[in-house]
Amino acid sequence: SILSSDDEPCNGSEDISSMVANGSCISVKSYTTNATSRWTTNHSYSQYLQCYYDEHLSIVQLISLFCGHLFGWKEPWIVQSPHKVLRNLKMYQKTFHYPSQSLSADDSRLENRRFMQSHNRNNILSDSILVSTKHSGYWLGNIVSGEWYELGLETPHLENLHSAMWRGSMSVDLFPRSSRLYFAGGLVMGMPISTIAELDLDSMRLGPVGEMPIPRAYPSMVFFPDSLVLLGGTNCWKEVYGVVEQYDFLKQKWNRLQKLHYPRYGSAAVSIQENYIFVTGGCDRFYPVMNAEIYDRKTQKWNILPSMLKPVQKCHALKFKDEIFAVGAMDNTVQVFNIYEKKWRLTASLNNAQNCSKGVKLCTIDYKLVAMNRDDISKYEIYDEGSNRWYLTDIRNHPISKLYPKPFMHCRNIFDWFHLGRRYY
C-alpha cells in the first residue's frame, strides 16, 4: 500500500489505478517517515527492509508491468502461425526435415547469429531460464541481467506431481522453442505412475496429455518436432526397461519403437538434427551403463556407440556445436563425445559439482556453454573453449533483487530449472 496526500492507506493495484486516473498526489516524505517510525523501534533492520519492500510492492509491480510492455515480452525464437506449423509438421513426417530449422545453427553461422541478436535486442526473455521451486511456484529470469519475474503456481496444483519432482523420479523438460513444459512418469507413494502432463506457461494451466503404456519412474524424455519420446525407466522393484515409446502429437497416439540394446534408467537423451536420438549414462538393475546408443529415425534402428570413460549418475547431456557434453551428480568430471569421430574424451573439470546431489545441467547462454546445479542457481560456470577451463561466477542480481532477494535465491528449495531459449531438436 501507499499513502495519499492525506496519509491514508490505499491498498492494491485497483487503488493505484484510481489514484493515477484522478491525479492524486503522493506524499513520499510523510510515507517514509510514517513507515520508519512504525518499524525501526521493535524490529530488526532486515525485517524493516522486508516491510519496506512489501509497502512498495504495488508500485514495483506497476513499474515492472510498464517496463515489460515498453521493451517487449516476446519469444526469443521465430514464432510461426499455427497454420504454418501444421504444414511444416506434415512435411516433416514425410521427409524427416523440419523446414523452419534453418536458423538452428545460429551458433556457427555468422549471418544467422547477427539476425537472432537483432531479433532479441532489448528482449526480456532472451536466453532466460525457468525455475521451478518448492514453495514459490515458477519464476522466469535472466542470469545475465539478474531480472526475475514471478509466474506463480500452476492450476491445478498437484502435490503428487511436486513430490515426484522433488524426488527426481519424474522426467521434466521444455519443448524446444516453446513455452510448454512436459512432465512424464515418476514415483508416487512408492508406485510408478503413467501420467504425462503439459504446463502452458502463458496461462499457467496444467493439463493431461496421455497415459504411458507402461508406468515407470526415472525415464528419459526427448522431443522431435511432431512427437515426444520416452526411453527406459524402472518400476523401482526389479524391472529396468529398455522400451522406447513415441507419442505423436498430431495423431494423439503411442507408437512402440525399437528397444534399447542396454535397458537403463536415469539416463540422458539428446535429439540431433531432428532425426537422431543420442542416449548415454544411467543404470541397469545393479550397475552403471557405460555404452552410449544412437537412434536413426529413418532406419528405425539403434546403433551401439563407444563406452563412456567414466560412469555417470543422474546424467545430463547437451549438444554444443559438433559435440555432446555429459555431466552428472557429485562429480566434477565432464565427458565429451564427438559426433563425427565417434570418440569420447575428457575435458576440463567443473569447480562446484562435487557437492550437488541432484546433479548438474547444461545450457547455452549468449552462445556460451553454461553449467549450473539443478537445486542451486546462486552460482554457475562458463566454459571457455580457448583455455579449456570452466570459470565459476556468482549469478548477477538486479539492484532491486540484490536488496530484496527472491524467496528461492540462495536456498535449496528448487526442484529444477530449464532453459527457455533457442534450443533446437
Protein backbone atom coordinates (compact mmCIF):
# COMPACT_ATOMS: atom_id res chain seq x y z
CA SER A 1 0.00 0.00 0.00
CA ILE A 2 0.99 3.65 -0.48
CA LEU A 3 -0.20 6.84 1.23
CA SER A 4 -2.01 9.68 -0.46
CA SER A 5 -1.65 13.32 0.41
CA ASP A 6 -3.91 12.78 3.45
CA ASP A 7 -1.65 9.99 4.78
CA GLU A 8 -4.47 7.45 4.46
CA PRO A 9 -3.51 3.94 3.32
CA CYS A 10 -4.81 2.69 -0.01
CA ASN A 11 -4.34 -0.99 -0.88
CA GLY A 12 -3.99 -2.92 -4.12
CA SER A 13 -3.44 -2.16 -7.77
CA GLU A 14 -7.08 -1.03 -8.15
CA ASP A 15 -6.46 1.87 -5.75
CA ILE A 16 -3.23 2.76 -7.56
CA SER A 17 -5.05 2.89 -10.90
CA SER A 18 -7.78 5.10 -9.47
CA MET A 19 -5.17 7.41 -7.93
CA VAL A 20 -3.33 7.69 -11.22
CA ALA A 21 -6.60 8.36 -13.04
CA ASN A 22 -7.68 11.00 -10.51
CA GLY A 23 -4.28 12.66 -10.47
CA SER A 24 -3.85 12.25 -6.71
CA CYS A 25 -0.61 13.41 -5.19
CA ILE A 26 1.57 11.02 -3.21
CA SER A 27 3.41 12.36 -0.22
CA VAL A 28 6.64 10.36 -0.18
CA LYS A 29 8.11 12.23 2.77
CA SER A 30 5.17 11.59 5.07
CA TYR A 31 5.01 7.99 3.89
CA THR A 32 8.65 7.16 4.57
CA THR A 33 8.60 8.94 7.93
CA ASN A 34 5.50 7.06 8.97
CA ALA A 35 6.88 3.68 7.85
CA THR A 36 10.21 4.31 9.59
CA SER A 37 8.62 5.26 12.89
CA ARG A 38 6.48 2.12 12.81
CA TRP A 39 9.26 -0.38 12.09
CA THR A 40 12.59 0.85 13.43
CA THR A 41 11.57 0.56 17.08
CA ASN A 42 10.55 -3.05 17.50
CA HIS A 43 12.05 -4.89 14.52
CA SER A 44 15.45 -5.71 13.07
CA TYR A 45 16.85 -3.96 10.03
CA SER A 46 16.20 -6.97 7.77
CA GLN A 47 12.56 -7.04 8.91
CA TYR A 48 12.32 -3.32 8.23
CA LEU A 49 13.66 -3.84 4.69
CA GLN A 50 11.14 -6.62 4.07
CA CYS A 51 8.33 -4.40 5.33
CA TYR A 52 9.57 -1.52 3.20
CA TYR A 53 9.57 -3.80 0.15
CA ASP A 54 6.06 -5.05 0.93
CA GLU A 55 4.85 -1.46 1.28
CA HIS A 56 6.24 -0.63 -2.17
CA LEU A 57 5.33 -3.93 -3.84
CA SER A 58 2.34 -2.50 -5.71
CA ILE A 59 4.48 0.28 -7.17
CA VAL A 60 7.24 -2.18 -8.15
CA GLN A 61 4.72 -4.44 -9.90
CA LEU A 62 3.18 -1.49 -11.73
CA ILE A 63 6.59 -0.30 -12.96
CA SER A 64 7.60 -3.86 -13.95
CA LEU A 65 4.39 -4.27 -15.92
CA PHE A 66 5.00 -0.98 -17.72
CA CYS A 67 8.63 -1.88 -18.48
CA GLY A 68 7.54 -5.27 -19.78
CA HIS A 69 5.21 -3.66 -22.31
CA LEU A 70 7.77 -0.97 -23.08
CA PHE A 71 10.61 -3.32 -24.03
CA GLY A 72 8.50 -6.21 -25.26
CA TRP A 73 7.78 -9.65 -23.88
CA LYS A 74 8.46 -11.75 -26.93
CA GLU A 75 9.74 -15.24 -27.50
CA PRO A 76 13.47 -15.49 -28.24
CA TRP A 77 12.77 -17.70 -31.26
CA ILE A 78 10.92 -17.16 -34.55
CA VAL A 79 7.18 -17.56 -33.93
CA GLN A 80 5.11 -19.03 -36.75
CA SER A 81 1.38 -19.12 -37.31
CA PRO A 82 -0.49 -22.33 -36.29
CA HIS A 83 -1.33 -22.98 -39.96
CA LYS A 84 2.34 -22.84 -40.97
CA VAL A 85 3.39 -25.02 -38.04
CA LEU A 86 0.84 -27.68 -39.03
CA ARG A 87 2.01 -27.58 -42.64
CA ASN A 88 5.66 -27.91 -41.57
CA LEU A 89 4.87 -30.84 -39.28
CA LYS A 90 3.09 -32.73 -42.06
CA MET A 91 6.06 -32.12 -44.34
CA TYR A 92 8.43 -33.26 -41.59
CA GLN A 93 6.60 -36.57 -41.16
CA LYS A 94 7.17 -37.29 -44.86
CA THR A 95 10.76 -36.08 -45.24
CA PHE A 96 12.10 -36.00 -41.64
CA HIS A 97 13.28 -32.49 -42.33
CA TYR A 98 11.64 -29.60 -40.50
CA PRO A 99 11.62 -26.60 -42.89
CA SER A 100 11.91 -23.88 -40.26
CA GLN A 101 15.08 -25.20 -38.67
CA SER A 102 17.27 -23.08 -40.99
CA LEU A 103 18.20 -20.88 -38.03
CA SER A 104 19.06 -23.79 -35.76
CA ALA A 105 22.78 -23.43 -36.46
CA ASP A 106 22.96 -19.77 -35.45
CA ASP A 107 25.79 -20.67 -33.06
CA SER A 108 28.09 -21.41 -36.01
CA ARG A 109 26.73 -19.25 -38.85
CA LEU A 110 27.63 -15.59 -38.53
CA GLU A 111 24.70 -14.23 -40.55
CA ASN A 112 22.20 -16.27 -38.53
CA ARG A 113 23.77 -15.14 -35.28
CA ARG A 114 23.50 -11.48 -36.29
CA PHE A 115 19.86 -11.97 -37.26
CA MET A 116 18.96 -13.57 -33.91
CA GLN A 117 20.90 -10.95 -31.95
CA SER A 118 18.94 -8.25 -33.76
CA HIS A 119 15.69 -10.16 -33.16
CA ASN A 120 16.37 -10.36 -29.41
CA ARG A 121 17.68 -6.86 -28.85
CA ASN A 122 16.04 -5.46 -25.66
CA ASN A 123 14.07 -8.69 -25.29
CA ILE A 124 13.47 -9.51 -21.63
CA LEU A 125 13.08 -13.22 -22.40
CA SER A 126 16.32 -13.56 -24.35
CA ASP A 127 18.26 -16.58 -23.02
CA SER A 128 16.14 -16.77 -19.88
CA ILE A 129 15.68 -19.74 -17.56
CA LEU A 130 12.56 -21.13 -15.94
CA VAL A 131 12.95 -22.08 -12.27
CA SER A 132 10.55 -24.48 -10.54
CA THR A 133 10.53 -24.00 -6.75
CA LYS A 134 9.11 -25.94 -3.82
CA HIS A 135 7.16 -23.14 -2.16
CA SER A 136 7.16 -20.14 -4.52
CA GLY A 137 5.87 -21.57 -7.80
CA TYR A 138 7.59 -20.81 -11.09
CA TRP A 139 9.94 -17.92 -11.83
CA LEU A 140 11.34 -16.63 -15.11
CA GLY A 141 14.74 -14.99 -15.01
CA ASN A 142 17.74 -13.84 -16.97
CA ILE A 143 21.02 -14.78 -15.29
CA VAL A 144 22.89 -12.20 -17.37
CA SER A 145 20.82 -9.17 -16.34
CA GLY A 146 19.67 -10.55 -12.98
CA GLU A 147 16.00 -9.74 -13.63
CA TRP A 148 13.35 -12.14 -12.26
CA TYR A 149 9.61 -12.34 -12.87
CA GLU A 150 7.16 -14.41 -10.85
CA LEU A 151 4.83 -16.69 -12.81
CA GLY A 152 3.20 -18.15 -9.71
CA LEU A 153 1.65 -21.54 -9.06
CA GLU A 154 0.13 -23.71 -11.74
CA THR A 155 -3.57 -24.60 -11.79
CA PRO A 156 -4.45 -27.19 -10.63
CA HIS A 157 -1.67 -27.59 -8.07
CA LEU A 158 -0.96 -31.33 -7.67
CA GLU A 159 1.01 -32.41 -4.61
CA ASN A 160 1.83 -35.83 -6.10
CA LEU A 161 3.44 -34.18 -9.11
CA HIS A 162 5.58 -31.96 -6.89
CA SER A 163 6.52 -34.94 -4.73
CA ALA A 164 7.78 -36.83 -7.78
CA MET A 165 9.71 -33.76 -8.97
CA TRP A 166 11.34 -33.28 -5.57
CA ARG A 167 12.39 -36.94 -5.54
CA GLY A 168 13.83 -36.55 -9.05
CA SER A 169 11.95 -39.60 -10.33
CA MET A 170 9.91 -37.64 -12.90
CA SER A 171 11.23 -36.57 -16.29
CA VAL A 172 10.52 -32.86 -16.86
CA ASP A 173 11.60 -30.75 -19.82
CA LEU A 174 10.61 -27.81 -22.01
CA PHE A 175 9.55 -28.49 -25.58
CA PRO A 176 12.18 -26.77 -27.79
CA ARG A 177 11.32 -23.21 -28.81
CA SER A 178 8.05 -23.15 -26.90
CA SER A 179 6.53 -22.21 -23.55
CA ARG A 180 5.19 -25.73 -22.89
CA LEU A 181 6.66 -27.74 -20.02
CA TYR A 182 6.12 -31.52 -20.06
CA PHE A 183 6.05 -33.97 -17.13
CA ALA A 184 6.35 -37.75 -17.60
CA GLY A 185 6.35 -40.74 -15.25
CA GLY A 186 7.64 -40.66 -11.70
CA LEU A 187 7.32 -42.38 -8.35
CA VAL A 188 4.32 -41.53 -6.11
CA MET A 189 3.77 -43.27 -2.75
CA GLY A 190 6.23 -45.98 -3.76
CA MET A 191 4.49 -46.79 -7.04
CA PRO A 192 5.46 -45.78 -10.62
CA ILE A 193 2.89 -43.67 -12.46
CA SER A 194 1.99 -43.40 -16.15
CA THR A 195 0.93 -39.75 -16.19
CA ILE A 196 2.06 -37.29 -18.85
CA ALA A 197 1.05 -33.66 -18.30
CA GLU A 198 1.66 -30.34 -20.04
CA LEU A 199 2.01 -26.93 -18.39
CA ASP A 200 1.29 -23.87 -20.54
CA LEU A 201 3.48 -21.12 -19.09
CA ASP A 202 1.38 -18.36 -20.67
CA SER A 203 -1.78 -19.34 -18.78
CA MET A 204 -0.11 -21.46 -16.03
CA ARG A 205 -2.71 -24.15 -16.72
CA LEU A 206 -1.72 -27.79 -16.19
CA GLY A 207 -3.48 -30.38 -18.33
CA PRO A 208 -3.20 -34.09 -19.19
CA VAL A 209 -1.57 -35.26 -22.43
CA GLY A 210 -1.91 -39.02 -22.28
CA GLU A 211 -1.07 -42.13 -20.31
CA MET A 212 2.14 -44.05 -20.88
CA PRO A 213 1.51 -47.68 -21.85
CA ILE A 214 3.95 -48.78 -19.10
CA PRO A 215 4.03 -46.91 -15.75
CA ARG A 216 7.62 -46.13 -14.83
CA ALA A 217 9.95 -43.82 -12.95
CA TYR A 218 13.23 -42.21 -13.98
CA PRO A 219 12.60 -42.34 -17.75
CA SER A 220 14.43 -40.10 -20.21
CA MET A 221 12.43 -37.71 -22.38
CA VAL A 222 13.36 -36.20 -25.72
CA PHE A 223 11.45 -34.36 -28.43
CA PHE A 224 11.07 -34.43 -32.19
CA PRO A 225 9.13 -31.60 -33.89
CA ASP A 226 6.00 -33.79 -34.06
CA SER A 227 6.35 -36.04 -31.03
CA LEU A 228 7.58 -36.85 -27.56
CA VAL A 229 9.80 -39.90 -26.98
CA LEU A 230 10.27 -41.71 -23.65
CA LEU A 231 13.23 -44.04 -23.15
CA GLY A 232 13.91 -46.62 -20.47
CA GLY A 233 12.89 -46.27 -16.84
CA THR A 234 12.19 -48.61 -13.94
CA ASN A 235 9.33 -49.79 -11.75
CA CYS A 236 11.69 -49.38 -8.74
CA TRP A 237 11.31 -53.05 -7.82
CA LYS A 238 13.05 -55.47 -10.13
CA GLU A 239 12.36 -54.27 -13.68
CA VAL A 240 14.58 -51.90 -15.66
CA TYR A 241 13.10 -51.15 -19.07
CA GLY A 242 14.70 -50.80 -22.46
CA VAL A 243 11.38 -49.89 -24.05
CA VAL A 244 11.17 -46.77 -26.25
CA GLU A 245 7.75 -45.22 -26.87
CA GLN A 246 6.80 -42.25 -29.04
CA TYR A 247 3.69 -40.07 -28.57
CA ASP A 248 2.53 -38.46 -31.84
CA PHE A 249 1.07 -35.00 -31.13
CA LEU A 250 -0.85 -34.87 -34.43
CA LYS A 251 -2.41 -38.34 -34.26
CA GLN A 252 -2.53 -38.36 -30.43
CA LYS A 253 -1.45 -41.97 -30.15
CA TRP A 254 1.54 -44.02 -28.98
CA ASN A 255 4.00 -45.88 -31.21
CA ARG A 256 6.45 -48.50 -29.98
CA LEU A 257 9.99 -48.02 -31.35
CA GLN A 258 12.86 -50.48 -31.34
CA LYS A 259 14.13 -51.27 -27.84
CA LEU A 260 17.42 -50.05 -26.43
CA HIS A 261 20.29 -52.52 -26.57
CA TYR A 262 21.01 -51.72 -22.90
CA PRO A 263 17.99 -51.20 -20.60
CA ARG A 264 18.61 -48.23 -18.34
CA TYR A 265 17.04 -45.60 -16.10
CA GLY A 266 18.26 -42.14 -15.10
CA SER A 267 20.00 -41.67 -18.44
CA ALA A 268 20.35 -38.55 -20.59
CA ALA A 269 18.85 -38.28 -24.07
CA VAL A 270 19.54 -35.66 -26.74
CA SER A 271 17.93 -35.20 -30.15
CA ILE A 272 20.22 -34.34 -33.06
CA GLN A 273 19.18 -32.67 -36.32
CA GLU A 274 15.52 -33.74 -35.95
CA ASN A 275 16.45 -37.31 -36.98
CA TYR A 276 18.57 -38.89 -34.27
CA ILE A 277 18.37 -39.66 -30.56
CA PHE A 278 21.59 -39.96 -28.57
CA VAL A 279 21.30 -41.64 -25.16
CA THR A 280 24.05 -42.16 -22.60
CA GLY A 281 24.58 -42.79 -18.90
CA GLY A 282 22.09 -44.25 -16.46
CA CYS A 283 21.99 -47.58 -14.63
CA ASP A 284 20.66 -51.07 -15.13
CA ARG A 285 19.41 -53.01 -12.11
CA PHE A 286 22.82 -53.26 -10.46
CA TYR A 287 25.50 -51.29 -12.31
CA PRO A 288 26.03 -48.09 -14.32
CA VAL A 289 25.53 -48.44 -18.09
CA MET A 290 28.66 -47.29 -19.90
CA ASN A 291 27.70 -47.71 -23.57
CA ALA A 292 26.04 -44.90 -25.49
CA GLU A 293 23.47 -45.56 -28.22
CA ILE A 294 22.08 -43.59 -31.15
CA TYR A 295 18.71 -44.00 -32.88
CA ASP A 296 18.18 -43.19 -36.56
CA ARG A 297 14.57 -42.26 -37.24
CA LYS A 298 14.86 -43.05 -40.95
CA THR A 299 16.13 -46.60 -40.45
CA GLN A 300 14.26 -47.01 -37.13
CA LYS A 301 17.24 -48.76 -35.57
CA TRP A 302 19.55 -48.28 -32.57
CA ASN A 303 23.31 -48.46 -33.04
CA ILE A 304 25.78 -49.01 -30.21
CA LEU A 305 28.44 -46.34 -29.67
CA PRO A 306 31.71 -46.48 -27.68
CA SER A 307 31.56 -46.62 -23.88
CA MET A 308 31.89 -43.56 -21.70
CA LEU A 309 35.22 -43.08 -19.97
CA LYS A 310 33.65 -42.89 -16.51
CA PRO A 311 30.26 -43.89 -15.02
CA VAL A 312 27.79 -41.01 -14.59
CA GLN A 313 24.92 -40.84 -12.10
CA LYS A 314 21.90 -38.59 -12.79
CA CYS A 315 23.38 -37.81 -16.17
CA HIS A 316 22.58 -34.69 -18.21
CA ALA A 317 23.80 -34.11 -21.76
CA LEU A 318 23.69 -31.25 -24.24
CA LYS A 319 24.74 -30.88 -27.86
CA PHE A 320 27.14 -27.95 -28.19
CA LYS A 321 28.36 -27.33 -31.73
CA ASP A 322 29.56 -30.70 -33.08
CA GLU A 323 30.00 -32.39 -29.71
CA ILE A 324 27.86 -33.70 -26.87
CA PHE A 325 28.83 -32.74 -23.32
CA ALA A 326 27.80 -35.05 -20.46
CA VAL A 327 27.85 -34.26 -16.72
CA GLY A 328 26.46 -35.92 -13.59
CA ALA A 329 25.94 -35.62 -9.84
CA MET A 330 28.56 -35.46 -7.07
CA ASP A 331 31.32 -35.35 -9.68
CA ASN A 332 33.24 -32.58 -11.44
CA THR A 333 34.05 -34.74 -14.46
CA VAL A 334 32.92 -33.54 -17.91
CA GLN A 335 32.94 -36.05 -20.78
CA VAL A 336 32.65 -35.02 -24.42
CA PHE A 337 31.53 -37.17 -27.35
CA ASN A 338 32.49 -36.12 -30.87
CA ILE A 339 29.57 -36.93 -33.18
CA TYR A 340 31.64 -37.31 -36.34
CA GLU A 341 34.71 -39.06 -34.91
CA LYS A 342 32.56 -41.20 -32.57
CA LYS A 343 35.05 -40.84 -29.73
CA TRP A 344 34.84 -39.85 -26.07
CA ARG A 345 37.32 -37.53 -24.41
CA LEU A 346 37.67 -35.79 -21.06
CA THR A 347 37.66 -32.03 -20.92
CA ALA A 348 38.34 -29.58 -18.09
CA SER A 349 36.62 -30.42 -14.80
CA LEU A 350 33.91 -28.33 -13.20
CA ASN A 351 34.59 -26.40 -9.99
CA ASN A 352 31.37 -26.74 -7.99
CA ALA A 353 29.64 -30.01 -8.90
CA GLN A 354 31.08 -32.37 -6.29
CA ASN A 355 28.56 -31.27 -3.64
CA CYS A 356 25.47 -31.34 -5.86
CA SER A 357 23.34 -34.38 -5.03
CA LYS A 358 20.68 -33.64 -7.67
CA GLY A 359 23.15 -33.23 -10.49
CA VAL A 360 24.33 -30.53 -12.87
CA LYS A 361 22.57 -29.24 -16.00
CA LEU A 362 23.98 -27.62 -19.12
CA CYS A 363 22.60 -24.91 -21.39
CA THR A 364 23.85 -22.20 -23.75
CA ILE A 365 23.63 -18.56 -22.70
CA ASP A 366 24.80 -15.93 -25.19
CA TYR A 367 26.36 -18.71 -27.33
CA LYS A 368 28.48 -19.90 -24.38
CA LEU A 369 28.23 -23.25 -22.62
CA VAL A 370 26.98 -22.85 -19.05
CA ALA A 371 26.78 -25.42 -16.22
CA MET A 372 24.61 -24.90 -13.14
CA ASN A 373 23.43 -27.10 -10.28
CA ARG A 374 19.82 -28.25 -10.50
CA ASP A 375 18.93 -27.09 -6.99
CA ASP A 376 21.20 -24.07 -6.51
CA ILE A 377 21.26 -21.24 -9.02
CA SER A 378 23.29 -18.79 -6.93
CA LYS A 379 26.40 -19.79 -8.91
CA TYR A 380 27.11 -21.06 -12.40
CA GLU A 381 30.12 -21.95 -14.52
CA ILE A 382 31.05 -20.76 -18.02
CA TYR A 383 33.17 -22.86 -20.35
CA ASP A 384 35.96 -21.07 -22.19
CA GLU A 385 36.92 -23.03 -25.31
CA GLY A 386 40.17 -21.15 -25.85
CA SER A 387 41.71 -22.00 -22.48
CA ASN A 388 39.68 -25.21 -21.96
CA ARG A 389 38.60 -24.09 -18.49
CA TRP A 390 35.38 -23.64 -16.51
CA TYR A 391 35.07 -20.30 -14.73
CA LEU A 392 32.86 -20.15 -11.63
CA THR A 393 30.88 -16.97 -11.07
CA ASP A 394 28.04 -15.74 -8.88
CA ILE A 395 24.70 -15.11 -10.52
CA ARG A 396 24.13 -11.44 -11.32
CA ASN A 397 21.49 -9.56 -9.39
CA HIS A 398 19.44 -6.60 -10.49
CA PRO A 399 19.87 -3.83 -7.86
CA ILE A 400 16.32 -4.40 -6.57
CA SER A 401 16.86 -8.18 -6.43
CA LYS A 402 20.11 -7.68 -4.54
CA LEU A 403 18.33 -5.58 -1.93
CA TYR A 404 15.27 -7.84 -1.82
CA PRO A 405 16.33 -11.37 -2.87
CA LYS A 406 13.66 -13.61 -4.34
CA PRO A 407 12.36 -16.33 -1.99
CA PHE A 408 14.19 -19.12 -3.84
CA MET A 409 17.57 -17.39 -4.10
CA HIS A 410 20.46 -18.79 -2.03
CA CYS A 411 18.46 -21.81 -0.88
CA ARG A 412 17.89 -25.44 -1.84
CA ASN A 413 14.10 -25.22 -2.29
CA ILE A 414 14.43 -25.58 -6.06
CA PHE A 415 13.07 -28.57 -7.96
CA ASP A 416 14.83 -27.86 -11.24
CA TRP A 417 15.50 -25.20 -13.86
CA PHE A 418 15.00 -25.20 -17.63
CA HIS A 419 16.46 -23.13 -20.46
CA LEU A 420 13.80 -21.09 -22.27
CA GLY A 421 15.99 -20.38 -25.26
CA ARG A 422 16.54 -21.27 -28.89
CA ARG A 423 17.36 -24.90 -28.19
CA TYR A 424 16.71 -26.94 -31.31
CA TYR A 425 15.56 -30.51 -31.77
